[in-house]
Amino acid sequence: MKTFIMTAESLPKTASNWFDGFGEGVEFKAVDLEAAQDWLNAQCVAAGTNEDEYYNNLGPAAEEE
């Protein structure tokens, strides 16, 4: 497992609502970058983040630490 951090291109005010537990720089584990991004995307879909107008353009994104 590798360590990744949650990040966004630019954090809009609504970023904290993307999903419970999202935070700029918060660490999480995944096998690889693709799995890390898939996990973030799944969390956002479950939270209804796709309704946020900034979501598709700004993140969140997984970044390897």
PDB file of N, CA and C in Angstrom:
ATOM      1  N   MET A   1       0.836  -1.181   0.000  1.00  0.00           N
ATOM      2  CA  MET A   1       0.000   0.000   0.000  1.00  0.00           C
ATOM      3  C   MET A   1       0.880   1.243   0.000  1.00  0.00           C
ATOM      4  N   LYS A   2       0.416   2.239  -0.726  1.00  0.00           N
ATOM      5  CA  LYS A   2       1.119   3.508  -0.790  1.00  0.00           C
ATOM      6  C   LYS A   2       0.289   4.568  -0.075  1.00  0.00           C
ATOM      7  N   THR A   3       0.933   5.646   0.296  1.00  0.00           N
ATOM      8  CA  THR A   3       0.253   6.748   0.963  1.00  0.00           C
ATOM      9  C   THR A   3      -0.028   7.851  -0.053  1.00  0.00           C
ATOM     10  N   PHE A   4      -1.265   8.338  -0.031  1.00  0.00           N
ATOM     11  CA  PHE A   4      -1.692   9.424  -0.908  1.00  0.00           C
ATOM     12  C   PHE A   4      -2.288  10.533  -0.056  1.00  0.00           C
ATOM     13  N   ILE A   5      -2.359  11.720  -0.617  1.00  0.00           N
ATOM     14  CA  ILE A   5      -3.026  12.813   0.064  1.00  0.00           C
ATOM     15  C   ILE A   5      -4.178  13.307  -0.798  1.00  0.00           C
ATOM     16  N   MET A   6      -5.190  13.828  -0.138  1.00  0.00           N
ATOM     17  CA  MET A   6      -6.329  14.430  -0.825  1.00  0.00           C
ATOM     18  C   MET A   6      -5.950  15.863  -1.149  1.00  0.00           C
ATOM     19  N   THR A   7      -6.232  16.263  -2.363  1.00  0.00           N
ATOM     20  CA  THR A   7      -5.918  17.619  -2.772  1.00  0.00           C
ATOM     21  C   THR A   7      -6.946  18.079  -3.795  1.00  0.00           C
ATOM     22  N   ALA A   8      -6.877  19.328  -4.177  1.00  0.00           N
ATOM     23  CA  ALA A   8      -7.754  19.885  -5.201  1.00  0.00           C
ATOM     24  C   ALA A   8      -6.987  20.971  -5.926  1.00  0.00           C
ATOM     25  N   GLU A   9      -7.321  21.167  -7.188  1.00  0.00           N
ATOM     26  CA  GLU A   9      -6.629  22.194  -7.969  1.00  0.00           C
ATOM     27  C   GLU A   9      -6.778  23.555  -7.300  1.00  0.00           C
ATOM     28  N   SER A  10      -7.966  23.851  -6.870  1.00  0.00           N
ATOM     29  CA  SER A  10      -8.263  25.086  -6.150  1.00  0.00           C
ATOM     30  C   SER A  10      -9.430  24.758  -5.232  1.00  0.00           C
ATOM     31  N   LEU A  11      -9.298  25.033  -3.975  1.00  0.00           N
ATOM     32  CA  LEU A  11     -10.334  24.651  -3.030  1.00  0.00           C
ATOM     33  C   LEU A  11     -11.469  25.675  -2.969  1.00  0.00           C
ATOM     34  N   PRO A  12     -12.616  25.328  -3.534  1.00  0.00           N
ATOM     35  CA  PRO A  12     -13.773  26.220  -3.370  1.00  0.00           C
ATOM     36  C   PRO A  12     -14.294  26.106  -1.943  1.00  0.00           C
ATOM     37  N   LYS A  13     -15.098  27.062  -1.522  1.00  0.00           N
ATOM     38  CA  LYS A  13     -15.665  27.041  -0.172  1.00  0.00           C
ATOM     39  C   LYS A  13     -16.426  25.753   0.114  1.00  0.00           C
ATOM     40  N   THR A  14     -17.001  25.144  -0.911  1.00  0.00           N
ATOM     41  CA  THR A  14     -17.825  23.953  -0.728  1.00  0.00           C
ATOM     42  C   THR A  14     -17.010  22.659  -0.651  1.00  0.00           C
ATOM     43  N   ALA A  15     -15.710  22.730  -0.777  1.00  0.00           N
ATOM     44  CA  ALA A  15     -14.879  21.522  -0.802  1.00  0.00           C
ATOM     45  C   ALA A  15     -15.060  20.661   0.439  1.00  0.00           C
ATOM     46  N   SER A  16     -15.254  21.280   1.585  1.00  0.00           N
ATOM     47  CA  SER A  16     -15.411  20.491   2.812  1.00  0.00           C
ATOM     48  C   SER A  16     -16.660  19.631   2.769  1.00  0.00           C
ATOM     49  N   ASN A  17     -17.583  19.940   1.882  1.00  0.00           N
ATOM     50  CA  ASN A  17     -18.812  19.160   1.734  1.00  0.00           C
ATOM     51  C   ASN A  17     -18.698  18.077   0.658  1.00  0.00           C
ATOM     52  N   TRP A  18     -17.537  17.942   0.033  1.00  0.00           N
ATOM     53  CA  TRP A  18     -17.402  16.959  -1.033  1.00  0.00           C
ATOM     54  C   TRP A  18     -17.699  15.566  -0.526  1.00  0.00           C
ATOM     55  N   PHE A  19     -17.212  15.227   0.651  1.00  0.00           N
ATOM     56  CA  PHE A  19     -17.616  14.010   1.349  1.00  0.00           C
ATOM     57  C   PHE A  19     -17.082  14.089   2.763  1.00  0.00           C
ATOM     58  N   ASP A  20     -17.737  13.374   3.669  1.00  0.00           N
ATOM     59  CA  ASP A  20     -17.326  13.370   5.059  1.00  0.00           C
ATOM     60  C   ASP A  20     -15.918  12.808   5.145  1.00  0.00           C
ATOM     61  N   GLY A  21     -15.004  13.577   5.659  1.00  0.00           N
ATOM     62  CA  GLY A  21     -13.622  13.126   5.767  1.00  0.00           C
ATOM     63  C   GLY A  21     -12.694  13.778   4.766  1.00  0.00           C
ATOM     64  N   PHE A  22     -13.230  14.519   3.775  1.00  0.00           N
ATOM     65  CA  PHE A  22     -12.342  15.199   2.829  1.00  0.00           C
ATOM     66  C   PHE A  22     -11.658  16.355   3.528  1.00  0.00           C
ATOM     67  N   GLY A  23     -10.386  16.491   3.276  1.00  0.00           N
ATOM     68  CA  GLY A  23      -9.625  17.622   3.775  1.00  0.00           C
ATOM     69  C   GLY A  23      -8.345  17.743   2.983  1.00  0.00           C
ATOM     70  N   GLU A  24      -7.986  18.941   2.632  1.00  0.00           N
ATOM     71  CA  GLU A  24      -6.751  19.173   1.889  1.00  0.00           C
ATOM     72  C   GLU A  24      -5.575  18.622   2.680  1.00  0.00           C
ATOM     73  N   GLY A  25      -4.816  17.720   2.072  1.00  0.00           N
ATOM     74  CA  GLY A  25      -3.630  17.159   2.697  1.00  0.00           C
ATOM     75  C   GLY A  25      -3.876  15.948   3.589  1.00  0.00           C
ATOM     76  N   VAL A  26      -5.123  15.508   3.716  1.00  0.00           N
ATOM     77  CA  VAL A  26      -5.415  14.325   4.530  1.00  0.00           C
ATOM     78  C   VAL A  26      -4.833  13.094   3.839  1.00  0.00           C
ATOM     79  N   GLU A  27      -4.150  12.265   4.600  1.00  0.00           N
ATOM     80  CA  GLU A  27      -3.526  11.060   4.052  1.00  0.00           C
ATOM     81  C   GLU A  27      -4.488   9.882   4.034  1.00  0.00           C
ATOM     82  N   PHE A  28      -4.317   9.020   3.039  1.00  0.00           N
ATOM     83  CA  PHE A  28      -5.047   7.757   2.978  1.00  0.00           C
ATOM     84  C   PHE A  28      -4.214   6.767   2.185  1.00  0.00           C
ATOM     85  N   LYS A  29      -4.547   5.504   2.308  1.00  0.00           N
ATOM     86  CA  LYS A  29      -3.763   4.430   1.679  1.00  0.00           C
ATOM     87  C   LYS A  29      -4.520   3.816   0.509  1.00  0.00           C
ATOM     88  N   ALA A  30      -3.776   3.414  -0.500  1.00  0.00           N
ATOM     89  CA  ALA A  30      -4.323   2.700  -1.654  1.00  0.00           C
ATOM     90  C   ALA A  30      -3.171   1.959  -2.330  1.00  0.00           C
ATOM     91  N   VAL A  31      -3.522   1.012  -3.189  1.00  0.00           N
ATOM     92  CA  VAL A  31      -2.495   0.215  -3.866  1.00  0.00           C
ATOM     93  C   VAL A  31      -1.714   1.040  -4.880  1.00  0.00           C
ATOM     94  N   ASP A  32      -2.410   1.897  -5.609  1.00  0.00           N
ATOM     95  CA  ASP A  32      -1.763   2.735  -6.610  1.00  0.00           C
ATOM     96  C   ASP A  32      -2.601   3.989  -6.835  1.00  0.00           C
ATOM     97  N   LEU A  33      -2.108   4.870  -7.690  1.00  0.00           N
ATOM     98  CA  LEU A  33      -2.786   6.145  -7.931  1.00  0.00           C
ATOM     99  C   LEU A  33      -4.187   5.950  -8.497  1.00  0.00           C
ATOM    100  N   GLU A  34      -4.345   4.999  -9.400  1.00  0.00           N
ATOM    101  CA  GLU A  34      -5.664   4.754  -9.992  1.00  0.00           C
ATOM    102  C   GLU A  34      -6.672   4.317  -8.925  1.00  0.00           C
ATOM    103  N   ALA A  35      -6.260   3.422  -8.054  1.00  0.00           N
ATOM    104  CA  ALA A  35      -7.145   2.961  -6.980  1.00  0.00           C
ATOM    105  C   ALA A  35      -7.455   4.093  -6.010  1.00  0.00           C
ATOM    106  N   ALA A  36      -6.473   4.939  -5.743  1.00  0.00           N
ATOM    107  CA  ALA A  36      -6.682   6.074  -4.847  1.00  0.00           C
ATOM    108  C   ALA A  36      -7.710   7.040  -5.432  1.00  0.00           C
ATOM    109  N   GLN A  37      -7.581   7.332  -6.715  1.00  0.00           N
ATOM    110  CA  GLN A  37      -8.531   8.246  -7.354  1.00  0.00           C
ATOM    111  C   GLN A  37      -9.919   7.605  -7.438  1.00  0.00           C
ATOM    112  N   ASP A  38      -9.962   6.325  -7.729  1.00  0.00           N
ATOM    113  CA  ASP A  38     -11.245   5.607  -7.759  1.00  0.00           C
ATOM    114  C   ASP A  38     -11.949   5.685  -6.404  1.00  0.00           C
ATOM    115  N   TRP A  39     -11.182   5.539  -5.331  1.00  0.00           N
ATOM    116  CA  TRP A  39     -11.758   5.607  -3.987  1.00  0.00           C
ATOM    117  C   TRP A  39     -12.321   7.007  -3.718  1.00  0.00           C
ATOM    118  N   LEU A  40     -11.539   8.034  -4.064  1.00  0.00           N
ATOM    119  CA  LEU A  40     -12.022   9.410  -3.875  1.00  0.00           C
ATOM    120  C   LEU A  40     -13.297   9.643  -4.680  1.00  0.00           C
ATOM    121  N   ASN A  41     -13.297   9.200  -5.922  1.00  0.00           N
ATOM    122  CA  ASN A  41     -14.478   9.390  -6.769  1.00  0.00           C
ATOM    123  C   ASN A  41     -15.695   8.686  -6.180  1.00  0.00           C
ATOM    124  N   ALA A  42     -15.511   7.476  -5.678  1.00  0.00           N
ATOM    125  CA  ALA A  42     -16.615   6.722  -5.087  1.00  0.00           C
ATOM    126  C   ALA A  42     -17.171   7.435  -3.859  1.00  0.00           C
ATOM    127  N   GLN A  43     -16.286   8.011  -3.041  1.00  0.00           N
ATOM    128  CA  GLN A  43     -16.736   8.752  -1.855  1.00  0.00           C
ATOM    129  C   GLN A  43     -17.577   9.957  -2.273  1.00  0.00           C
ATOM    130  N   CYS A  44     -17.145  10.616  -3.328  1.00  0.00           N
ATOM    131  CA  CYS A  44     -17.851  11.806  -3.802  1.00  0.00           C
ATOM    132  C   CYS A  44     -19.202  11.453  -4.409  1.00  0.00           C
ATOM    133  N   VAL A  45     -19.266  10.381  -5.153  1.00  0.00           N
ATOM    134  CA  VAL A  45     -20.538   9.954  -5.739  1.00  0.00           C
ATOM    135  C   VAL A  45     -21.518   9.590  -4.630  1.00  0.00           C
ATOM    136  N   ALA A  46     -21.048   8.858  -3.627  1.00  0.00           N
ATOM    137  CA  ALA A  46     -21.915   8.464  -2.511  1.00  0.00           C
ATOM    138  C   ALA A  46     -22.438   9.680  -1.756  1.00  0.00           C
ATOM    139  N   ALA A  47     -21.645  10.748  -1.709  1.00  0.00           N
ATOM    140  CA  ALA A  47     -22.043  11.958  -0.988  1.00  0.00           C
ATOM    141  C   ALA A  47     -22.831  12.928  -1.874  1.00  0.00           C
ATOM    142  N   GLY A  48     -22.988  12.602  -3.162  1.00  0.00           N
ATOM    143  CA  GLY A  48     -23.715  13.486  -4.070  1.00  0.00           C
ATOM    144  C   GLY A  48     -22.901  14.685  -4.515  1.00  0.00           C
ATOM    145  N   THR A  49     -21.596  14.559  -4.446  1.00  0.00           N
ATOM    146  CA  THR A  49     -20.705  15.662  -4.786  1.00  0.00           C
ATOM    147  C   THR A  49     -20.857  16.130  -6.231  1.00  0.00           C
ATOM    148  N   ASN A  50     -21.295  15.234  -7.101  1.00  0.00           N
ATOM    149  CA  ASN A  50     -21.431  15.624  -8.505  1.00  0.00           C
ATOM    150  C   ASN A  50     -22.427  16.774  -8.688  1.00  0.00           C
ATOM    151  N   GLU A  51     -23.190  17.093  -7.647  1.00  0.00           N
ATOM    152  CA  GLU A  51     -24.097  18.245  -7.696  1.00  0.00           C
ATOM    153  C   GLU A  51     -23.355  19.561  -7.479  1.00  0.00           C
ATOM    154  N   ASP A  52     -22.127  19.500  -6.986  1.00  0.00           N
ATOM    155  CA  ASP A  52     -21.318  20.692  -6.728  1.00  0.00           C
ATOM    156  C   ASP A  52     -20.751  21.184  -8.056  1.00  0.00           C
ATOM    157  N   GLU A  53     -21.050  22.422  -8.408  1.00  0.00           N
ATOM    158  CA  GLU A  53     -20.606  22.950  -9.704  1.00  0.00           C
ATOM    159  C   GLU A  53     -19.091  22.973  -9.864  1.00  0.00           C
ATOM    160  N   TYR A  54     -18.344  22.972  -8.770  1.00  0.00           N
ATOM    161  CA  TYR A  54     -16.888  23.038  -8.845  1.00  0.00           C
ATOM    162  C   TYR A  54     -16.228  21.661  -8.899  1.00  0.00           C
ATOM    163  N   TYR A  55     -16.971  20.642  -8.589  1.00  0.00           N
ATOM    164  CA  TYR A  55     -16.395  19.302  -8.450  1.00  0.00           C
ATOM    165  C   TYR A  55     -15.650  18.836  -9.697  1.00  0.00           C
ATOM    166  N   ASN A  56     -16.281  18.857 -10.845  1.00  0.00           N
ATOM    167  CA  ASN A  56     -15.658  18.309 -12.049  1.00  0.00           C
ATOM    168  C   ASN A  56     -14.412  19.067 -12.493  1.00  0.00           C
ATOM    169  N   ASN A  57     -14.337  20.337 -12.210  1.00  0.00           N
ATOM    170  CA  ASN A  57     -13.210  21.141 -12.677  1.00  0.00           C
ATOM    171  C   ASN A  57     -12.048  21.232 -11.694  1.00  0.00           C
ATOM    172  N   LEU A  58     -12.336  21.065 -10.401  1.00  0.00           N
ATOM    173  CA  LEU A  58     -11.307  21.371  -9.416  1.00  0.00           C
ATOM    174  C   LEU A  58     -10.863  20.215  -8.533  1.00  0.00           C
ATOM    175  N   GLY A  59     -11.542  19.100  -8.598  1.00  0.00           N
ATOM    176  CA  GLY A  59     -11.089  18.010  -7.751  1.00  0.00           C
ATOM    177  C   GLY A  59     -12.231  17.344  -7.045  1.00  0.00           C
ATOM    178  N   PRO A  60     -11.974  16.570  -6.067  1.00  0.00           N
ATOM    179  CA  PRO A  60     -10.677  16.315  -5.445  1.00  0.00           C
ATOM    180  C   PRO A  60      -9.821  15.328  -6.247  1.00  0.00           C
ATOM    181  N   ALA A  61      -8.547  15.346  -5.946  1.00  0.00           N
ATOM    182  CA  ALA A  61      -7.615  14.472  -6.634  1.00  0.00           C
ATOM    183  C   ALA A  61      -6.722  13.786  -5.622  1.00  0.00           C
ATOM    184  N   ALA A  62      -6.267  12.597  -5.984  1.00  0.00           N
ATOM    185  CA  ALA A  62      -5.298  11.867  -5.162  1.00  0.00           C
ATOM    186  C   ALA A  62      -3.907  12.209  -5.674  1.00  0.00           C
ATOM    187  N   GLU A  63      -3.006  12.414  -4.740  1.00  0.00           N
ATOM    188  CA  GLU A  63      -1.632  12.730  -5.087  1.00  0.00           C
ATOM    189  C   GLU A  63      -0.720  11.857  -4.245  1.00  0.00           C
ATOM    190  N   GLU A  64       0.226  11.182  -4.898  1.00  0.00           N
ATOM    191  CA  GLU A  64       1.119  10.309  -4.135  1.00  0.00           C
ATOM    192  C   GLU A  64       2.034  11.151  -3.271  1.00  0.00           C
ATOM    193  N   GLU A  65       2.190  10.711  -2.040  1.00  0.00           N
ATOM    194  CA  GLU A  65       3.013  11.466  -1.105  1.00  0.00           C
ATOM    195  C   GLU A  65       4.462  11.090  -1.263  1.00  0.00           C
TER     196      GLU A  65
END
